[in-house]
Amino acid sequence: MLKGIHPNIKLRIGIGFVQRLLDMMLIPLMIIHFSGLYGPATAGLMTVVAAGVAIACTFLGGYLSDVRGRRRTMLVSEVGCFVAAVCLALANSPWWESGIATYIFYLVNTALISVVRPASDAMIIDVSTPETRPRIYAVNYWATNVAFVVGSLLAGFLYGGHFFLILAAAAVLSGGVAVVTWRWISETRPATAGTTAETTAETATGAATGAAAGTAGGPGTGRTGWLLPLLRGYAAVLRDRVFARFFLSILLFTCIQVQLANYIGVRLSQEFPPQRLFDVGPWALDVDGVNMFGILRAISTFVVVCLALSATTIFRRLTDGQRIGGGTIVVTAGYMVLAVSNDPGVLITATVVFALGEIMTSPTRQALLADVVHPDARSMYMAVYQLQFRLAAVAGSLCVTLGTFVPPAAMSVLYGVFGAASCLLILSVLRARAAGARAEAAPRTEDDQVETAPDETGDRAEAAPQADGDRTAAAPHTAGDAGGPHTRHATSGSRR
């Protein structure tokens, strides 16, 4: 499946599996642990603080990765994660127990893991090509779901009486991740990415607002420190209209996906009447709403684990638009049914349907993300992209509250609106990519390289005036930058 793929990608998928496994083991257990120590209300506040720290460190990690390099950012953070994990285990050992120390080291560990993720995501884009990305993201999607299953099972079975052993194992795995990164991961940051805060701010801001921002001696130079360049870089990302449409589409789609663990789970626990799921000879199974919720989650994960690796083969005859658009419609339809039905057979069928839709759309969406991010600020784009998971979690909680005031049918309609909007937005991004590809394929002189960019994507091209051939001549690319019109810069005439 990954034959011929850059070794960094194989290693990062493996490391990502370990890190997600640790997430699934530790995060639920830490919430339970803090609830036992300080009560649910305080534990909830501690979790909110951790989430805020994670968001801030994700943005910092994206900036550092583009400025200092992917490998250096990951290595320093992963060594720090190892130290924090060791201290976390010691704070819950037979020799020392401290709730305050546990929270501090957990917070440090959460912060450093958040720093790593944008760099890791950007590294996969750096050394992949448009042709290999669907396969890569299919494997990564499969590995994520396997980590979810294994981590949940280990946490559930080992928490009682084995908390210290879980934390010790997490420390060992964190140390292994740091060693692998130090020994075998190579640097992949494109040569065009800035090597100082000044260069990065000037490059990223220039891509969206013009070369005037960050000129020598003005705001954005190295003399102002790192905060202003960081803010300028992210402001440039947020002004990228094509990426903004992509981000909003993914956010709406993720808001639908989180409903199973939020509104739908709550509705089933309250409204699903106890009933017989099956009755075959001497075997029968009666379930209530909570049982049904667990069964649906297990089925969706089972379908993904079994079929995700075959996604590129199963849907190979479909275009990107058909995969993304069709997958979004299928997922939305599945969740709309889950929002209103109390029939076990219908619920199981809808779960299989939305799982198939996720398999259809997820790898292609990830590959499209690689196409729309700017090569000079990939990590910062990935940091913004990571924000959609946090926002979707907030939306999921709000939908639980909303569901107490409106009937299930209204929630089902809301999912339909989310899905339709997501589909329209992502299809507009695909059209922008196609327009950019045609513009790249068309022969042009040096004088009209910027001015003739298509309107759909020209907002970025016209905003970045530069000397003739500057970006083309001065930017040696990595393997991931190779390719024809269908490459990651095809969404904008300025992305050569």
Protein backbone atom coordinates (compact mmCIF):
# COMPACT_ATOMS: atom_id res chain seq x y z
CA MET A 1 0.00 0.00 0.00
CA LEU A 2 2.86 2.39 0.81
CA LYS A 3 5.38 0.99 -1.65
CA GLY A 4 7.60 3.72 -3.07
CA ILE A 5 6.51 6.24 -0.44
CA HIS A 6 9.09 8.47 1.27
CA PRO A 7 10.36 6.86 4.52
CA ASN A 8 9.38 9.96 6.52
CA ILE A 9 5.72 9.36 5.68
CA LYS A 10 5.82 5.73 6.78
CA LEU A 11 7.49 6.72 10.03
CA ARG A 12 5.10 9.61 10.69
CA ILE A 13 2.05 7.39 10.11
CA GLY A 14 3.47 4.91 12.63
CA ILE A 15 4.31 7.68 15.09
CA GLY A 16 0.86 9.21 14.56
CA PHE A 17 -0.69 5.84 15.40
CA VAL A 18 1.24 5.72 18.68
CA GLN A 19 0.37 9.32 19.58
CA ARG A 20 -3.35 8.84 18.86
CA LEU A 21 -3.26 5.60 20.83
CA LEU A 22 -1.87 7.53 23.78
CA ASP A 23 -4.51 10.21 23.31
CA MET A 24 -7.31 7.66 23.43
CA MET A 25 -5.78 6.01 26.49
CA LEU A 26 -4.92 9.12 28.46
CA ILE A 27 -7.48 11.84 27.74
CA PRO A 28 -10.60 9.98 28.97
CA LEU A 29 -8.67 8.51 31.91
CA MET A 30 -7.27 11.88 32.97
CA ILE A 31 -10.76 13.39 32.98
CA ILE A 32 -11.99 10.51 35.15
CA HIS A 33 -8.93 10.84 37.39
CA PHE A 34 -9.37 14.59 37.90
CA SER A 35 -13.10 14.13 38.51
CA GLY A 36 -12.28 11.69 41.30
CA LEU A 37 -9.74 14.08 42.83
CA TYR A 38 -11.49 17.44 42.49
CA GLY A 39 -15.09 16.78 41.43
CA PRO A 40 -16.74 16.95 37.99
CA ALA A 41 -17.12 20.75 37.90
CA THR A 42 -13.45 21.45 38.59
CA ALA A 43 -12.37 18.65 36.26
CA GLY A 44 -14.46 20.20 33.50
CA LEU A 45 -12.77 23.57 34.01
CA MET A 46 -9.34 21.91 33.99
CA THR A 47 -10.22 20.24 30.70
CA VAL A 48 -11.30 23.56 29.17
CA VAL A 49 -7.96 25.12 30.17
CA ALA A 50 -6.11 22.19 28.59
CA ALA A 51 -8.11 22.65 25.37
CA GLY A 52 -7.22 26.35 25.29
CA VAL A 53 -3.54 25.59 25.79
CA ALA A 54 -3.69 22.98 23.02
CA ILE A 55 -5.16 25.50 20.55
CA ALA A 56 -2.54 28.14 21.35
CA CYS A 57 0.31 25.62 21.07
CA THR A 58 -1.03 24.30 17.77
CA PHE A 59 -0.68 27.79 16.29
CA LEU A 60 2.76 28.17 17.82
CA GLY A 61 3.81 24.80 16.42
CA GLY A 62 2.67 25.74 12.93
CA TYR A 63 4.70 28.94 13.05
CA LEU A 64 7.83 27.27 14.46
CA SER A 65 7.68 24.48 11.90
CA ASP A 66 7.69 26.95 9.01
CA VAL A 67 10.37 29.12 10.62
CA ARG A 68 12.70 26.60 12.30
CA GLY A 69 11.96 23.45 10.35
CA ARG A 70 9.74 20.39 10.72
CA ARG A 71 12.29 18.01 12.22
CA ARG A 72 13.64 20.43 14.83
CA THR A 73 10.15 21.39 15.99
CA MET A 74 9.05 17.77 16.25
CA LEU A 75 12.23 16.56 17.93
CA VAL A 76 12.31 19.23 20.65
CA SER A 77 8.59 18.76 21.35
CA GLU A 78 8.75 14.97 21.41
CA VAL A 79 11.70 14.95 23.79
CA GLY A 80 9.71 17.32 25.98
CA CYS A 81 6.69 14.97 25.73
CA PHE A 82 8.87 12.11 26.93
CA VAL A 83 10.12 14.08 29.94
CA ALA A 84 6.58 15.20 30.79
CA ALA A 85 5.26 11.63 30.44
CA VAL A 86 7.96 10.31 32.78
CA CYS A 87 7.11 12.99 35.36
CA LEU A 88 3.39 12.26 34.91
CA ALA A 89 3.99 8.59 35.68
CA LEU A 90 6.15 9.42 38.71
CA ALA A 91 3.44 11.72 40.07
CA ASN A 92 1.11 8.71 40.16
CA SER A 93 3.62 6.10 41.27
CA PRO A 94 3.81 4.08 44.48
CA TRP A 95 6.52 6.51 45.65
CA TRP A 96 4.80 9.83 44.96
CA GLU A 97 1.23 10.94 44.38
CA SER A 98 0.27 14.52 43.58
CA GLY A 99 -2.88 15.72 41.83
CA ILE A 100 -1.44 19.19 41.16
CA ALA A 101 1.77 17.76 39.66
CA THR A 102 -0.30 15.34 37.58
CA TYR A 103 -2.27 18.20 36.07
CA ILE A 104 0.81 20.34 35.40
CA PHE A 105 2.66 17.54 33.61
CA TYR A 106 -0.50 16.55 31.73
CA LEU A 107 -0.86 20.17 30.59
CA VAL A 108 2.78 20.27 29.44
CA ASN A 109 2.36 16.99 27.58
CA THR A 110 -0.83 18.22 25.89
CA ALA A 111 0.86 21.46 24.86
CA LEU A 112 3.90 19.76 23.33
CA ILE A 113 1.85 17.19 21.43
CA SER A 114 -0.15 20.09 19.97
CA VAL A 115 3.08 21.73 18.81
CA VAL A 116 4.03 18.56 16.90
CA ARG A 117 0.87 18.04 14.87
CA PRO A 118 1.07 20.88 12.30
CA ALA A 119 4.70 19.98 11.57
CA SER A 120 3.81 16.30 11.14
CA ASP A 121 0.90 17.07 8.82
CA ALA A 122 3.00 19.48 6.77
CA MET A 123 5.82 16.93 6.47
CA ILE A 124 3.48 14.43 4.83
CA ILE A 125 2.54 17.05 2.22
CA ASP A 126 6.18 18.06 1.73
CA VAL A 127 7.33 14.64 0.54
CA SER A 128 4.21 13.30 -1.18
CA THR A 129 2.74 13.87 -4.62
CA PRO A 130 -0.87 14.36 -5.76
CA GLU A 131 -0.83 10.80 -7.11
CA THR A 132 0.27 9.18 -3.85
CA ARG A 133 -1.69 11.28 -1.36
CA PRO A 134 -5.02 9.42 -1.61
CA ARG A 135 -3.22 6.16 -0.71
CA ILE A 136 -1.27 7.83 2.08
CA TYR A 137 -4.33 9.42 3.65
CA ALA A 138 -6.34 6.22 3.32
CA VAL A 139 -3.68 4.37 5.35
CA ASN A 140 -3.49 7.22 7.85
CA TYR A 141 -7.28 7.23 8.23
CA TRP A 142 -7.26 3.49 8.83
CA ALA A 143 -4.43 3.76 11.38
CA THR A 144 -6.30 6.52 13.23
CA ASN A 145 -9.39 4.36 13.62
CA VAL A 146 -7.37 1.32 14.74
CA ALA A 147 -5.67 3.52 17.36
CA PHE A 148 -9.12 4.67 18.49
CA VAL A 149 -10.29 1.09 19.00
CA VAL A 150 -7.12 -0.22 20.67
CA GLY A 151 -6.67 2.85 22.87
CA SER A 152 -10.28 2.77 24.05
CA LEU A 153 -10.08 -0.92 24.91
CA LEU A 154 -6.78 -0.60 26.77
CA ALA A 155 -8.03 2.39 28.74
CA GLY A 156 -11.24 0.63 29.69
CA PHE A 157 -9.60 -2.57 30.87
CA LEU A 158 -6.45 -1.21 32.51
CA TYR A 159 -7.64 1.91 34.36
CA GLY A 160 -8.80 0.21 37.52
CA GLY A 161 -5.68 -0.60 39.54
CA HIS A 162 -3.25 -0.12 36.65
CA PHE A 163 -3.15 3.66 36.21
CA PHE A 164 0.56 3.90 36.97
CA LEU A 165 1.34 1.11 34.48
CA ILE A 166 -0.62 2.93 31.76
CA LEU A 167 1.32 6.13 32.41
CA ALA A 168 4.64 4.26 32.51
CA ALA A 169 3.84 2.59 29.19
CA ALA A 170 2.94 5.99 27.74
CA ALA A 171 6.34 7.31 28.86
CA VAL A 172 8.14 4.41 27.18
CA LEU A 173 6.21 4.91 23.94
CA SER A 174 6.90 8.66 24.04
CA GLY A 175 10.60 7.93 24.42
CA GLY A 176 10.46 5.59 21.45
CA VAL A 177 8.79 8.29 19.33
CA ALA A 178 11.55 10.77 20.21
CA VAL A 179 14.28 8.25 19.32
CA VAL A 180 12.68 7.44 15.96
CA THR A 181 12.39 11.14 15.10
CA TRP A 182 16.01 11.82 16.11
CA ARG A 183 17.44 8.78 14.32
CA TRP A 184 15.43 8.42 11.12
CA ILE A 185 13.28 11.48 10.36
CA SER A 186 14.86 13.94 7.91
CA GLU A 187 14.06 17.60 7.34
CA THR A 188 11.52 18.30 4.58
CA ARG A 189 10.70 22.00 4.84
CA PRO A 190 10.66 23.56 1.35
CA ALA A 191 13.54 25.89 0.56
CA THR A 192 11.05 28.71 -0.04
CA ALA A 193 9.81 28.62 3.55
CA GLY A 194 11.36 31.33 5.72
CA THR A 195 14.35 30.50 7.90
CA THR A 196 13.72 33.43 10.25
CA ALA A 197 10.64 35.06 11.71
CA GLU A 198 11.15 38.05 9.39
CA THR A 199 11.33 35.95 6.24
CA THR A 200 8.36 33.79 7.18
CA ALA A 201 6.15 36.76 8.01
CA GLU A 202 7.14 38.49 4.79
CA THR A 203 6.55 35.39 2.68
CA ALA A 204 3.27 34.31 4.24
CA THR A 205 1.85 37.82 4.44
CA GLY A 206 3.01 38.65 0.95
CA ALA A 207 1.11 35.66 -0.39
CA ALA A 208 -2.17 37.27 0.60
CA THR A 209 -1.60 40.99 1.18
CA GLY A 210 1.34 42.02 -0.96
CA ALA A 211 5.05 42.47 -0.55
CA ALA A 212 4.60 45.73 1.32
CA ALA A 213 3.80 43.90 4.57
CA GLY A 214 6.96 42.87 6.40
CA THR A 215 9.41 44.99 4.41
CA ALA A 216 12.76 45.79 5.93
CA GLY A 217 12.57 48.15 8.83
CA GLY A 218 8.80 47.96 9.18
CA PRO A 219 6.53 45.85 11.34
CA GLY A 220 7.25 42.22 10.72
CA THR A 221 11.01 42.44 10.78
CA GLY A 222 13.09 40.36 13.14
CA ARG A 223 13.47 43.37 15.47
CA THR A 224 9.85 43.05 16.61
CA GLY A 225 10.32 39.54 17.96
CA TRP A 226 8.26 36.52 17.07
CA LEU A 227 4.70 37.44 18.08
CA LEU A 228 3.97 40.01 15.37
CA PRO A 229 5.31 37.83 12.54
CA LEU A 230 3.28 34.92 13.92
CA LEU A 231 0.09 36.99 13.92
CA ARG A 232 0.82 38.33 10.44
CA GLY A 233 1.41 34.84 9.11
CA TYR A 234 -1.90 33.55 10.45
CA ALA A 235 -3.72 36.67 9.26
CA ALA A 236 -2.46 35.86 5.77
CA VAL A 237 -3.75 32.30 6.07
CA LEU A 238 -7.18 33.51 7.17
CA ARG A 239 -7.35 35.91 4.21
CA ASP A 240 -6.82 33.05 1.76
CA ARG A 241 -10.33 32.79 0.28
CA VAL A 242 -9.98 29.36 -1.27
CA PHE A 243 -8.62 27.88 1.95
CA ALA A 244 -11.34 29.71 3.93
CA ARG A 245 -14.02 27.98 1.85
CA PHE A 246 -12.29 24.64 2.29
CA PHE A 247 -11.98 25.16 6.05
CA LEU A 248 -15.65 26.10 6.44
CA SER A 249 -16.70 23.07 4.39
CA ILE A 250 -14.64 20.72 6.55
CA LEU A 251 -15.88 22.38 9.73
CA LEU A 252 -19.53 21.86 8.75
CA PHE A 253 -18.79 18.26 7.78
CA THR A 254 -17.03 17.58 11.09
CA CYS A 255 -19.92 19.19 12.97
CA ILE A 256 -22.10 16.44 11.52
CA GLN A 257 -19.62 13.69 12.36
CA VAL A 258 -19.42 14.61 16.05
CA GLN A 259 -23.18 14.28 16.48
CA LEU A 260 -23.07 10.53 17.17
CA ALA A 261 -21.09 11.15 20.36
CA ASN A 262 -23.21 14.18 21.28
CA TYR A 263 -26.87 14.77 20.38
CA ILE A 264 -27.56 11.37 18.85
CA GLY A 265 -26.02 9.53 21.80
CA VAL A 266 -28.03 11.61 24.27
CA ARG A 267 -31.25 11.16 22.27
CA LEU A 268 -30.83 7.40 22.13
CA SER A 269 -30.18 7.18 25.87
CA GLN A 270 -33.40 9.10 26.56
CA GLU A 271 -35.79 8.14 23.76
CA PHE A 272 -34.77 4.70 22.51
CA PRO A 273 -37.18 2.13 24.03
CA PRO A 274 -35.68 -1.12 25.33
CA GLN A 275 -36.22 -3.77 22.66
CA ARG A 276 -34.88 -7.00 21.26
CA LEU A 277 -32.07 -6.55 18.77
CA PHE A 278 -32.10 -10.15 17.53
CA ASP A 279 -33.56 -13.51 18.47
CA VAL A 280 -31.93 -16.52 16.80
CA GLY A 281 -32.69 -19.88 18.39
CA PRO A 282 -31.33 -19.91 21.93
CA TRP A 283 -29.54 -16.55 21.43
CA ALA A 284 -31.30 -13.28 21.99
CA LEU A 285 -30.09 -9.77 22.76
CA ASP A 286 -32.13 -7.03 24.40
CA VAL A 287 -30.74 -3.50 24.22
CA ASP A 288 -31.53 -0.05 25.59
CA GLY A 289 -30.46 3.30 24.21
CA VAL A 290 -26.99 3.28 25.78
CA ASN A 291 -26.34 -0.25 24.48
CA MET A 292 -27.51 0.80 21.03
CA PHE A 293 -25.21 3.81 21.05
CA GLY A 294 -22.21 1.57 21.85
CA ILE A 295 -23.19 -0.88 19.11
CA LEU A 296 -23.46 1.89 16.50
CA ARG A 297 -20.02 3.26 17.40
CA ALA A 298 -18.51 -0.22 17.22
CA ILE A 299 -20.13 -0.89 13.83
CA SER A 300 -18.94 2.39 12.31
CA THR A 301 -15.37 1.77 13.49
CA PHE A 302 -15.47 -1.86 12.30
CA VAL A 303 -16.59 -0.82 8.80
CA VAL A 304 -13.83 1.79 8.57
CA VAL A 305 -11.12 -0.56 9.81
CA CYS A 306 -12.19 -3.27 7.37
CA LEU A 307 -12.60 -1.11 4.26
CA ALA A 308 -10.49 2.06 4.63
CA LEU A 309 -7.37 0.52 3.08
CA SER A 310 -9.40 -0.49 0.03
CA ALA A 311 -10.98 2.94 -0.45
CA THR A 312 -8.77 3.99 -3.35
CA THR A 313 -9.53 0.71 -5.15
CA ILE A 314 -13.26 0.66 -4.41
CA PHE A 315 -13.82 4.23 -5.60
CA ARG A 316 -11.08 4.43 -8.24
CA ARG A 317 -13.57 5.08 -11.07
CA LEU A 318 -15.01 8.15 -9.37
CA THR A 319 -13.67 11.65 -9.83
CA ASP A 320 -12.62 13.75 -6.85
CA GLY A 321 -15.85 15.70 -7.11
CA GLN A 322 -17.94 12.54 -7.14
CA ARG A 323 -16.07 11.12 -4.15
CA ILE A 324 -16.27 14.26 -2.05
CA GLY A 325 -19.73 15.39 -3.11
CA GLY A 326 -21.23 11.91 -3.06
CA GLY A 327 -19.52 11.02 0.20
CA THR A 328 -20.77 14.19 1.88
CA ILE A 329 -24.34 13.47 0.77
CA VAL A 330 -24.14 9.85 1.98
CA VAL A 331 -22.72 10.82 5.38
CA THR A 332 -25.32 13.55 5.83
CA ALA A 333 -28.17 11.20 4.92
CA GLY A 334 -26.93 8.61 7.42
CA TYR A 335 -26.81 11.11 10.28
CA MET A 336 -30.19 12.58 9.36
CA VAL A 337 -31.70 9.11 9.83
CA LEU A 338 -29.84 8.58 13.12
CA ALA A 339 -31.31 11.82 14.43
CA VAL A 340 -34.91 10.59 14.17
CA SER A 341 -35.12 6.79 14.07
CA ASN A 342 -35.55 4.37 16.98
CA ASP A 343 -35.62 1.22 14.87
CA PRO A 344 -32.48 -0.91 15.46
CA GLY A 345 -32.32 -2.19 11.89
CA VAL A 346 -32.67 1.29 10.42
CA LEU A 347 -30.08 2.69 12.83
CA ILE A 348 -27.54 -0.01 11.97
CA THR A 349 -28.13 0.46 8.23
CA ALA A 350 -27.71 4.23 8.53
CA THR A 351 -24.47 3.71 10.47
CA VAL A 352 -23.03 1.46 7.77
CA VAL A 353 -24.08 4.04 5.17
CA PHE A 354 -22.39 7.00 6.86
CA ALA A 355 -19.26 4.91 7.53
CA LEU A 356 -19.03 4.10 3.82
CA GLY A 357 -19.49 7.80 3.06
CA GLU A 358 -16.63 8.71 5.39
CA ILE A 359 -14.39 6.15 3.69
CA MET A 360 -15.34 7.62 0.32
CA THR A 361 -14.65 11.24 1.20
CA SER A 362 -11.96 11.37 3.91
CA PRO A 363 -8.76 10.51 1.96
CA THR A 364 -9.83 12.71 -0.97
CA ARG A 365 -10.55 15.66 1.31
CA GLN A 366 -7.12 15.30 2.89
CA ALA A 367 -5.50 15.19 -0.54
CA LEU A 368 -7.43 18.32 -1.55
CA LEU A 369 -6.20 20.04 1.62
CA ALA A 370 -2.64 19.39 0.47
CA ASP A 371 -3.50 21.11 -2.82
CA VAL A 372 -4.92 24.29 -1.31
CA VAL A 373 -2.29 25.10 1.33
CA HIS A 374 0.51 27.49 0.42
CA PRO A 375 3.90 25.72 0.16
CA ASP A 376 5.71 28.50 2.02
CA ALA A 377 3.46 28.27 5.09
CA ARG A 378 2.16 24.71 5.13
CA SER A 379 2.47 24.21 8.87
CA MET A 380 0.57 27.39 9.64
CA TYR A 381 -2.21 26.28 7.29
CA MET A 382 -2.28 22.90 9.02
CA ALA A 383 -2.47 24.59 12.42
CA VAL A 384 -5.56 26.53 11.31
CA TYR A 385 -6.99 23.32 9.85
CA GLN A 386 -6.58 21.58 13.22
CA LEU A 387 -8.82 24.24 14.76
CA GLN A 388 -11.87 22.73 13.06
CA PHE A 389 -11.80 19.75 15.43
CA ARG A 390 -12.02 22.04 18.47
CA LEU A 391 -14.78 24.16 16.94
CA ALA A 392 -16.73 21.07 15.93
CA ALA A 393 -16.53 19.77 19.50
CA VAL A 394 -18.04 23.04 20.72
CA ALA A 395 -20.75 22.77 18.06
CA GLY A 396 -21.48 19.21 19.17
CA SER A 397 -22.04 20.37 22.74
CA LEU A 398 -24.28 23.22 21.57
CA CYS A 399 -26.35 20.76 19.53
CA VAL A 400 -27.01 18.74 22.69
CA THR A 401 -28.41 21.91 24.28
CA LEU A 402 -30.37 22.82 21.15
CA GLY A 403 -31.84 19.32 21.04
CA THR A 404 -33.59 19.93 24.34
CA PHE A 405 -35.65 22.71 22.74
CA VAL A 406 -36.41 21.35 19.24
CA PRO A 407 -37.74 17.98 18.03
CA PRO A 408 -35.46 15.34 16.45
CA ALA A 409 -36.84 16.17 13.00
CA ALA A 410 -35.52 19.73 13.34
CA MET A 411 -32.07 18.42 14.24
CA SER A 412 -32.21 16.14 11.21
CA VAL A 413 -33.00 19.13 8.98
CA LEU A 414 -30.11 21.06 10.57
CA TYR A 415 -27.74 18.23 9.63
CA GLY A 416 -29.09 18.41 6.10
CA VAL A 417 -28.35 22.13 5.93
CA PHE A 418 -24.82 21.56 7.23
CA GLY A 419 -24.25 18.82 4.67
CA ALA A 420 -25.60 20.79 1.72
CA ALA A 421 -23.51 23.84 2.60
CA SER A 422 -20.41 21.69 3.08
CA CYS A 423 -20.96 20.02 -0.29
CA LEU A 424 -21.42 23.32 -2.16
CA LEU A 425 -18.34 24.86 -0.55
CA ILE A 426 -16.06 21.91 -1.27
CA LEU A 427 -17.24 21.71 -4.87
CA SER A 428 -16.40 25.41 -5.29
CA VAL A 429 -12.89 24.64 -4.03
CA LEU A 430 -12.59 21.85 -6.61
CA ARG A 431 -13.65 24.29 -9.34
CA ALA A 432 -11.03 26.74 -8.10
CA ARG A 433 -8.39 24.02 -8.28
CA ALA A 434 -9.46 23.10 -11.81
CA ALA A 435 -9.36 26.77 -12.86
CA GLY A 436 -5.89 27.13 -11.41
CA ALA A 437 -4.78 23.96 -13.20
CA ARG A 438 -5.99 25.32 -16.53
CA ALA A 439 -4.22 28.61 -15.85
CA GLU A 440 -0.98 26.76 -15.06
CA ALA A 441 -1.29 24.66 -18.20
CA ALA A 442 -1.86 27.69 -20.45
CA PRO A 443 1.35 29.12 -21.98
CA ARG A 444 1.94 32.66 -20.71
CA THR A 445 4.65 35.24 -20.88
CA GLU A 446 6.45 36.54 -17.85
CA ASP A 447 4.53 39.81 -18.00
CA ASP A 448 1.09 38.25 -17.64
CA GLN A 449 1.80 35.53 -15.10
CA VAL A 450 -0.08 37.32 -12.32
CA GLU A 451 -2.54 39.47 -14.27
CA THR A 452 -4.15 36.60 -16.22
CA ALA A 453 -4.92 34.45 -13.17
CA PRO A 454 -8.57 33.27 -13.21
CA ASP A 455 -11.05 35.26 -11.13
CA GLU A 456 -11.92 32.21 -9.01
CA THR A 457 -8.44 32.08 -7.54
CA GLY A 458 -7.00 35.42 -8.48
CA ASP A 459 -7.58 36.91 -5.05
CA ARG A 460 -4.31 35.38 -3.98
CA ALA A 461 -2.44 35.94 -7.23
CA GLU A 462 -3.25 39.63 -7.57
CA ALA A 463 -2.49 40.20 -3.89
CA ALA A 464 1.11 39.04 -4.24
CA PRO A 465 2.98 41.25 -6.72
CA GLN A 466 6.47 40.04 -7.34
CA ALA A 467 9.27 40.38 -9.84
CA ASP A 468 9.03 38.34 -13.00
CA GLY A 469 9.87 34.73 -12.32
CA ASP A 470 10.77 35.31 -8.65
CA ARG A 471 8.93 32.32 -7.26
CA THR A 472 9.57 30.05 -10.19
CA ALA A 473 13.29 30.63 -10.39
CA ALA A 474 14.18 30.92 -6.75
CA ALA A 475 12.21 28.06 -5.25
CA PRO A 476 13.73 24.59 -5.45
CA HIS A 477 10.99 22.15 -4.48
CA THR A 478 10.81 18.94 -2.59
CA ALA A 479 9.31 15.75 -3.95
CA GLY A 480 5.87 16.90 -2.91
CA ASP A 481 6.14 19.96 -5.14
CA ALA A 482 6.66 17.93 -8.24
CA GLY A 483 3.88 17.26 -10.65
CA GLY A 484 1.71 18.82 -13.31
CA PRO A 485 -1.30 21.10 -13.16
CA HIS A 486 -2.96 18.94 -10.51
CA THR A 487 -0.38 19.80 -7.86
CA ARG A 488 -0.88 21.56 -4.54
CA HIS A 489 -0.44 25.02 -6.05
CA ALA A 490 -3.02 24.59 -8.77
CA THR A 491 -5.63 26.55 -6.87
CA SER A 492 -3.89 29.82 -7.51
CA GLY A 493 -2.06 31.36 -10.40
CA SER A 494 0.51 32.67 -7.93
CA ARG A 495 1.46 29.22 -6.65
CA ARG A 496 4.13 28.05 -9.01
